[in-house]
Amino acid sequence: MTLVPARTLVALLALTFGAITIMSWISPSEAYPGAVRRACKSDYKRLCPHYGVGSAKMRSCMRSKVGQISPRCYDKLVDYGYGRRGRRR
């Protein structure tokens, strides 16, 4: 099991919350760029499949499991401004 440094987790959650606030004004299908959806598809199916794609509950679920998100998904989220560079492991 990989632990996330508290400072990194707090920064990621703060940035994610800001992004989610902005994304709440966008329809779920437009909320994330296609590259993010593709990179995180398997993480979504593995971690939070019972929530609708782009829903607030799905985003909350994914945030609560940030330590379990694959490096590919995490890196793509960072590339698009949904988190901070640096390993969370």
Protein backbone atom coordinates (compact mmCIF):
# COMPACT_ATOMS: atom_id res chain seq x y z
CA MET A 1 0.00 0.00 0.00
CA THR A 2 1.31 3.43 -0.92
CA LEU A 3 0.89 6.37 1.42
CA VAL A 4 0.41 9.91 0.18
CA PRO A 5 2.27 12.70 2.01
CA ALA A 6 -0.30 14.81 3.85
CA ARG A 7 0.82 18.07 2.20
CA THR A 8 0.51 16.58 -1.28
CA LEU A 9 -2.91 15.15 -0.51
CA VAL A 10 -4.19 18.46 0.91
CA ALA A 11 -2.90 20.38 -2.13
CA LEU A 12 -4.41 17.84 -4.53
CA LEU A 13 -7.75 17.96 -2.77
CA ALA A 14 -7.77 21.77 -2.73
CA LEU A 15 -7.01 21.95 -6.44
CA THR A 16 -9.53 19.23 -7.17
CA PHE A 17 -12.22 21.05 -5.17
CA GLY A 18 -11.56 24.25 -7.17
CA ALA A 19 -11.69 22.36 -10.44
CA ILE A 20 -14.88 20.60 -9.40
CA THR A 21 -16.50 23.90 -8.50
CA ILE A 22 -15.78 25.20 -11.98
CA MET A 23 -16.74 21.90 -13.59
CA SER A 24 -20.10 21.92 -11.82
CA TRP A 25 -21.10 24.62 -14.31
CA ILE A 26 -20.21 22.32 -17.22
CA SER A 27 -22.27 19.34 -18.31
CA PRO A 28 -20.82 15.97 -17.20
CA SER A 29 -19.88 14.97 -20.74
CA GLU A 30 -17.78 18.15 -21.09
CA ALA A 31 -16.35 18.16 -17.56
CA TYR A 32 -13.09 16.35 -18.33
CA PRO A 33 -11.03 16.42 -21.53
CA GLY A 34 -11.12 13.24 -23.59
CA ALA A 35 -7.51 12.45 -22.67
CA VAL A 36 -8.41 12.46 -18.96
CA ARG A 37 -11.49 10.30 -19.54
CA ARG A 38 -9.43 7.78 -21.52
CA ALA A 39 -6.57 7.70 -18.98
CA CYS A 40 -8.91 7.31 -16.01
CA LYS A 41 -11.54 5.00 -17.49
CA SER A 42 -10.20 1.83 -15.89
CA ASP A 43 -9.71 3.62 -12.54
CA TYR A 44 -13.31 4.78 -12.63
CA LYS A 45 -14.56 1.27 -13.47
CA ARG A 46 -12.39 -0.25 -10.73
CA LEU A 47 -12.93 2.31 -7.97
CA CYS A 48 -16.29 4.06 -8.47
CA PRO A 49 -18.43 2.27 -11.08
CA HIS A 50 -21.67 2.71 -9.15
CA TYR A 51 -21.71 6.50 -9.71
CA GLY A 52 -22.62 8.27 -12.93
CA VAL A 53 -19.71 9.55 -15.01
CA GLY A 54 -19.08 13.21 -14.22
CA SER A 55 -21.43 13.24 -11.24
CA ALA A 56 -20.51 14.96 -7.98
CA LYS A 57 -20.65 11.59 -6.21
CA MET A 58 -18.26 10.05 -8.73
CA ARG A 59 -15.77 12.92 -8.26
CA SER A 60 -16.08 12.61 -4.49
CA CYS A 61 -15.50 8.87 -4.71
CA MET A 62 -12.40 9.32 -6.89
CA ARG A 63 -11.02 12.00 -4.54
CA SER A 64 -11.51 9.68 -1.56
CA LYS A 65 -9.43 7.02 -3.36
CA VAL A 66 -6.65 9.27 -4.64
CA GLY A 67 -4.00 6.90 -3.26
CA GLN A 68 -5.41 4.08 -5.41
CA ILE A 69 -5.54 5.99 -8.69
CA SER A 70 -3.16 4.63 -11.33
CA PRO A 71 -0.07 6.67 -12.21
CA ARG A 72 -1.39 7.07 -15.79
CA CYS A 73 -4.66 8.62 -14.59
CA TYR A 74 -2.98 10.71 -11.89
CA ASP A 75 -0.41 12.11 -14.34
CA LYS A 76 -3.12 13.00 -16.88
CA LEU A 77 -5.15 14.77 -14.16
CA VAL A 78 -2.03 16.77 -13.28
CA ASP A 79 -1.37 17.53 -16.97
CA TYR A 80 -4.82 19.11 -17.21
CA GLY A 81 -4.54 21.09 -13.98
CA TYR A 82 -6.56 18.86 -11.65
CA GLY A 83 -3.64 18.16 -9.31
CA ARG A 84 0.02 18.88 -8.56
CA ARG A 85 3.10 17.38 -10.14
CA GLY A 86 4.93 14.92 -7.92
CA ARG A 87 4.28 11.40 -6.89
CA ARG A 88 1.61 10.72 -4.35
CA ARG A 89 3.16 7.36 -3.50
